N, C-alpha and C. Protein backbone atom coordinates (compact mmCIF):
# COMPACT_ATOMS: atom_id res chain seq x y z
N MET A 1 126.92 57.59 167.26
CA MET A 1 126.02 57.02 168.21
C MET A 1 125.11 55.78 167.08
N THR A 2 124.98 54.74 167.80
CA THR A 2 124.20 53.84 167.05
C THR A 2 122.78 53.87 167.25
N GLU A 3 122.07 52.98 166.45
CA GLU A 3 120.72 52.82 166.44
C GLU A 3 120.23 51.80 167.48
N THR A 4 120.85 51.64 168.62
CA THR A 4 120.50 50.47 169.67
C THR A 4 120.53 50.99 171.03
N VAL A 5 120.00 50.25 171.85
CA VAL A 5 119.87 50.82 173.13
C VAL A 5 120.32 49.53 174.13
N VAL A 6 120.75 49.96 175.39
CA VAL A 6 120.84 49.14 176.52
C VAL A 6 119.64 49.47 177.57
N VAL A 7 118.90 48.45 177.86
CA VAL A 7 117.49 48.85 178.86
C VAL A 7 117.90 48.07 180.05
N LEU A 8 117.72 48.91 181.25
CA LEU A 8 118.13 48.28 182.46
C LEU A 8 116.28 47.86 182.99
N VAL A 9 116.27 46.77 183.65
CA VAL A 9 115.03 46.36 184.28
C VAL A 9 115.38 45.82 185.40
N THR A 10 114.81 46.15 186.72
CA THR A 10 114.96 45.39 187.89
C THR A 10 113.66 44.49 187.96
N ALA A 11 113.87 43.32 188.84
CA ALA A 11 112.98 42.51 188.86
C ALA A 11 113.15 41.81 190.47
N PRO A 12 112.19 41.36 190.83
CA PRO A 12 112.19 40.93 192.26
C PRO A 12 113.13 39.58 192.40
N SER A 13 113.38 38.82 191.29
CA SER A 13 114.20 37.84 191.42
C SER A 13 114.97 37.41 190.18
N ALA A 14 115.92 36.60 190.27
CA ALA A 14 116.59 36.16 188.98
C ALA A 14 115.61 35.25 188.00
N GLU A 15 114.93 34.63 188.62
CA GLU A 15 114.04 33.76 187.76
C GLU A 15 113.13 34.72 186.84
N LYS A 16 112.48 35.51 187.77
CA LYS A 16 111.56 36.73 187.00
C LYS A 16 112.22 37.43 185.86
N ALA A 17 113.35 37.84 186.32
CA ALA A 17 114.15 38.50 185.14
C ALA A 17 114.37 37.55 184.02
N ALA A 18 114.69 36.37 184.19
CA ALA A 18 114.90 35.46 183.10
C ALA A 18 113.53 35.11 182.26
N GLU A 19 112.63 35.25 182.76
CA GLU A 19 111.38 34.85 182.23
C GLU A 19 110.80 36.01 181.42
N ILE A 20 111.20 37.29 181.82
CA ILE A 20 110.92 38.51 181.06
C ILE A 20 111.81 38.48 179.67
N ALA A 21 113.13 38.38 180.15
CA ALA A 21 114.25 38.11 179.12
C ALA A 21 113.68 37.01 177.89
N ARG A 22 113.45 36.04 178.26
CA ARG A 22 113.05 35.05 177.57
C ARG A 22 112.04 35.43 176.57
N ALA A 23 111.10 35.82 177.35
CA ALA A 23 109.70 36.46 176.42
C ALA A 23 109.88 37.32 175.43
N VAL A 24 110.76 38.59 175.71
CA VAL A 24 111.04 39.70 174.73
C VAL A 24 112.16 39.30 173.85
N VAL A 25 113.02 38.37 174.00
CA VAL A 25 113.83 38.09 172.94
C VAL A 25 113.08 36.98 172.02
N LEU A 26 112.22 36.10 172.53
CA LEU A 26 111.38 35.15 171.71
C LEU A 26 110.29 36.17 170.86
N GLU A 27 109.91 37.28 171.30
CA GLU A 27 109.17 37.96 170.50
C GLU A 27 109.95 39.06 169.80
N LYS A 28 111.05 39.03 169.68
CA LYS A 28 112.01 39.76 168.88
C LYS A 28 111.99 41.23 169.28
N LEU A 29 111.76 41.67 170.48
CA LEU A 29 111.66 43.03 171.08
C LEU A 29 113.03 43.33 171.43
N ALA A 30 113.97 42.53 171.70
CA ALA A 30 115.27 42.52 172.07
C ALA A 30 116.10 41.30 171.58
N ALA A 31 117.37 41.64 171.55
CA ALA A 31 118.16 40.54 170.80
C ALA A 31 118.93 39.82 171.77
N CYS A 32 119.13 40.35 173.17
CA CYS A 32 119.46 39.34 174.23
C CYS A 32 119.36 39.98 175.55
N GLY A 33 119.29 39.08 176.64
CA GLY A 33 119.11 39.86 177.92
C GLY A 33 120.24 39.03 178.87
N ASN A 34 120.78 39.85 179.58
CA ASN A 34 121.97 39.22 180.71
C ASN A 34 121.15 39.47 182.04
N VAL A 35 120.98 38.52 182.87
CA VAL A 35 120.41 38.54 184.32
C VAL A 35 121.48 38.78 185.40
N ILE A 36 121.59 39.67 185.87
CA ILE A 36 122.67 39.75 187.09
C ILE A 36 121.73 39.48 188.41
N PRO A 37 121.91 38.55 189.21
CA PRO A 37 121.35 38.17 190.40
C PRO A 37 122.12 39.01 191.74
N GLY A 38 121.17 39.07 192.65
CA GLY A 38 122.06 39.40 193.86
C GLY A 38 122.21 41.13 193.91
N ILE A 39 121.61 41.71 193.43
CA ILE A 39 121.60 43.19 193.59
C ILE A 39 120.89 43.65 194.83
N ARG A 40 121.11 44.66 195.32
CA ARG A 40 120.44 45.24 196.50
C ARG A 40 119.95 46.68 196.13
N SER A 41 118.75 46.86 196.23
CA SER A 41 117.98 48.10 195.85
C SER A 41 117.44 48.63 197.11
N ILE A 42 117.78 50.11 197.29
CA ILE A 42 117.28 50.87 198.34
C ILE A 42 116.54 52.07 197.58
N TYR A 43 115.34 52.09 198.14
CA TYR A 43 114.43 53.10 197.45
C TYR A 43 113.33 53.59 198.31
N ALA A 44 112.75 54.88 197.79
CA ALA A 44 111.55 55.18 198.44
C ALA A 44 110.40 55.01 197.80
N TRP A 45 109.32 54.43 198.38
CA TRP A 45 108.13 53.87 197.63
C TRP A 45 106.94 54.17 198.89
N GLU A 46 106.05 55.03 198.45
CA GLU A 46 104.79 55.00 199.29
C GLU A 46 105.03 55.52 200.60
N GLY A 47 105.94 56.43 200.62
CA GLY A 47 106.33 57.12 201.97
C GLY A 47 107.33 56.56 202.71
N LYS A 48 107.95 55.35 202.51
CA LYS A 48 108.79 54.36 203.20
C LYS A 48 110.00 53.98 202.42
N ILE A 49 110.99 53.88 203.09
CA ILE A 49 112.42 53.66 202.58
C ILE A 49 112.38 51.92 202.51
N HIS A 50 112.61 51.31 201.35
CA HIS A 50 112.97 49.88 201.23
C HIS A 50 114.35 49.42 200.86
N ASP A 51 114.57 48.22 201.43
CA ASP A 51 115.86 47.72 201.17
C ASP A 51 115.65 46.44 200.91
N GLU A 52 115.69 46.21 199.41
CA GLU A 52 115.45 44.99 198.88
C GLU A 52 116.29 44.03 198.09
N ALA A 53 116.46 42.81 198.11
CA ALA A 53 117.22 41.94 197.13
C ALA A 53 116.38 42.13 195.73
N GLU A 54 117.06 42.11 194.76
CA GLU A 54 116.58 42.14 193.45
C GLU A 54 117.43 41.54 192.53
N ALA A 55 117.18 41.41 191.22
CA ALA A 55 118.14 40.98 190.38
C ALA A 55 117.81 42.20 189.03
N LEU A 56 119.10 42.33 188.23
CA LEU A 56 119.02 43.42 187.40
C LEU A 56 118.98 42.52 185.93
N LEU A 57 118.18 42.96 185.18
CA LEU A 57 117.79 42.70 183.66
C LEU A 57 118.49 43.57 182.73
N VAL A 58 119.57 43.32 181.99
CA VAL A 58 120.22 44.20 180.99
C VAL A 58 119.97 43.81 179.80
N LEU A 59 119.08 44.42 179.05
CA LEU A 59 118.54 43.89 177.38
C LEU A 59 119.30 45.03 176.55
N LYS A 60 119.44 44.35 175.31
CA LYS A 60 120.10 45.22 174.27
C LYS A 60 119.13 45.02 173.06
N ALA A 61 118.79 46.15 172.37
CA ALA A 61 117.44 46.28 171.51
C ALA A 61 118.01 47.34 170.60
N PRO A 62 117.14 47.31 169.38
CA PRO A 62 117.37 48.30 168.51
C PRO A 62 116.39 49.34 169.10
N ARG A 63 116.85 50.87 168.80
CA ARG A 63 116.19 52.03 169.47
C ARG A 63 114.67 51.99 168.91
N ARG A 64 114.37 51.65 167.87
CA ARG A 64 113.29 51.59 167.10
C ARG A 64 112.05 50.76 167.56
N ARG A 65 112.73 49.84 168.47
CA ARG A 65 111.68 48.99 169.02
C ARG A 65 111.60 49.39 170.76
N PHE A 66 112.38 50.21 171.20
CA PHE A 66 112.18 50.46 172.57
C PHE A 66 110.93 50.68 173.28
N GLN A 67 109.94 51.58 172.87
CA GLN A 67 108.83 51.81 173.25
C GLN A 67 107.84 50.46 173.33
N GLU A 68 107.98 49.51 172.14
CA GLU A 68 107.32 48.52 172.38
C GLU A 68 107.92 47.38 173.48
N LEU A 69 109.24 47.47 173.56
CA LEU A 69 109.84 46.59 174.40
C LEU A 69 109.55 47.13 175.93
N CYS A 70 109.51 48.45 176.07
CA CYS A 70 109.17 48.91 177.46
C CYS A 70 107.74 48.62 177.65
N ASP A 71 106.84 48.68 176.76
CA ASP A 71 105.38 48.18 176.90
C ASP A 71 105.09 46.80 177.49
N ARG A 72 106.14 45.87 176.80
CA ARG A 72 105.94 44.60 176.97
C ARG A 72 106.53 44.22 178.21
N VAL A 73 107.61 44.78 178.66
CA VAL A 73 108.30 44.50 179.91
C VAL A 73 107.13 44.98 181.13
N VAL A 74 106.63 46.04 181.08
CA VAL A 74 105.49 46.51 181.73
C VAL A 74 104.41 45.43 182.14
N ALA A 75 104.09 45.05 180.90
CA ALA A 75 102.96 43.92 180.95
C ALA A 75 103.27 42.66 181.60
N LEU A 76 104.68 42.33 181.61
CA LEU A 76 105.03 41.09 181.98
C LEU A 76 105.44 41.11 183.43
N HIS A 77 105.51 42.41 184.00
CA HIS A 77 106.18 42.75 185.23
C HIS A 77 105.33 42.85 186.16
N PRO A 78 105.75 42.08 187.72
CA PRO A 78 104.85 41.99 188.65
C PRO A 78 104.84 43.23 189.36
N TYR A 79 105.78 44.33 189.42
CA TYR A 79 105.63 45.48 189.97
C TYR A 79 104.67 46.61 189.41
N GLU A 80 104.14 47.14 190.25
CA GLU A 80 102.93 48.30 189.87
C GLU A 80 103.94 49.45 188.95
N VAL A 81 105.02 49.81 189.39
CA VAL A 81 105.72 50.61 188.58
C VAL A 81 107.19 50.14 188.33
N PRO A 82 107.35 49.10 187.33
CA PRO A 82 108.58 48.53 187.19
C PRO A 82 109.88 49.49 186.71
N GLU A 83 111.02 49.44 186.79
CA GLU A 83 112.05 50.13 186.35
C GLU A 83 112.06 49.67 184.81
N VAL A 84 112.05 50.52 183.91
CA VAL A 84 112.53 50.09 182.38
C VAL A 84 113.00 51.61 182.04
N ILE A 85 114.53 51.58 181.94
CA ILE A 85 115.01 52.68 181.24
C ILE A 85 116.16 52.22 180.27
N GLY A 86 115.97 53.10 179.16
CA GLY A 86 116.88 52.87 178.21
C GLY A 86 118.17 53.95 177.98
N PHE A 87 119.44 53.37 177.40
CA PHE A 87 120.40 54.46 177.28
C PHE A 87 120.94 53.93 175.81
N PRO A 88 121.25 55.11 175.06
CA PRO A 88 121.63 54.83 173.60
C PRO A 88 123.16 54.28 173.65
N ILE A 89 123.35 53.33 172.95
CA ILE A 89 124.69 52.81 172.86
C ILE A 89 125.50 53.72 171.91
N GLU A 90 126.63 54.23 172.53
CA GLU A 90 127.35 55.30 171.49
C GLU A 90 128.02 54.57 170.77
N GLY A 91 128.63 53.53 170.70
CA GLY A 91 129.56 52.89 170.03
C GLY A 91 129.79 51.41 170.55
N GLY A 92 130.71 50.88 169.85
CA GLY A 92 131.22 49.19 170.11
C GLY A 92 131.61 48.55 169.27
N ASN A 93 131.64 47.36 169.30
CA ASN A 93 131.90 46.31 168.18
C ASN A 93 130.93 46.53 167.16
N GLU A 94 131.36 46.90 166.03
CA GLU A 94 130.29 46.98 165.11
C GLU A 94 129.60 45.66 164.76
N ARG A 95 130.29 44.67 164.64
CA ARG A 95 129.55 43.48 164.36
C ARG A 95 128.65 43.08 165.49
N TYR A 96 128.98 43.52 166.64
CA TYR A 96 127.88 43.00 167.66
C TYR A 96 126.72 43.90 167.62
N ILE A 97 126.99 45.31 167.34
CA ILE A 97 125.76 46.32 167.07
C ILE A 97 124.96 45.73 165.83
N GLU A 98 125.59 45.29 164.75
CA GLU A 98 124.76 44.95 163.66
C GLU A 98 123.89 43.73 164.06
N TRP A 99 124.54 42.89 164.88
CA TRP A 99 124.05 41.58 165.25
C TRP A 99 122.59 41.91 165.96
N ILE A 100 122.88 43.08 166.94
CA ILE A 100 121.54 43.50 167.80
C ILE A 100 120.47 43.94 166.67
N ILE A 101 120.71 44.82 165.86
CA ILE A 101 119.88 45.21 164.75
C ILE A 101 119.21 43.96 163.88
N GLN A 102 120.18 43.12 163.31
CA GLN A 102 119.56 42.17 162.66
C GLN A 102 118.86 40.90 163.22
N SER A 103 119.08 40.89 164.64
CA SER A 103 118.25 39.70 165.29
C SER A 103 116.87 40.04 165.27
N MET A 104 116.30 41.13 165.01
CA MET A 104 114.91 41.51 165.08
C MET A 104 114.32 40.92 164.02
N TYR A 105 115.12 40.72 162.80
CA TYR A 105 114.43 39.96 161.29
C TYR A 105 114.41 38.46 161.54
């Protein structure tokens, strides 16, 4: 297992996802972000089932910065309870993993 995480964040639009990505990369909380437009989210919220168009933001970051990254995404996000979930990266291209870690300096 590496010392890095992949973080998933849903957003109301690709533009909002890109805005969040720019901020957290600029602030060195994430090495990079990929915006995937055109996802469809079906979820329960406040007693109703919602079916909404959203975008998915995929961030890569050092595990040690995850809580700071999570807090910042929540502060930047327009949702009352935004999705911010992290998964440990088990392995991968060692040079890429090292780049994620080094991008924070």
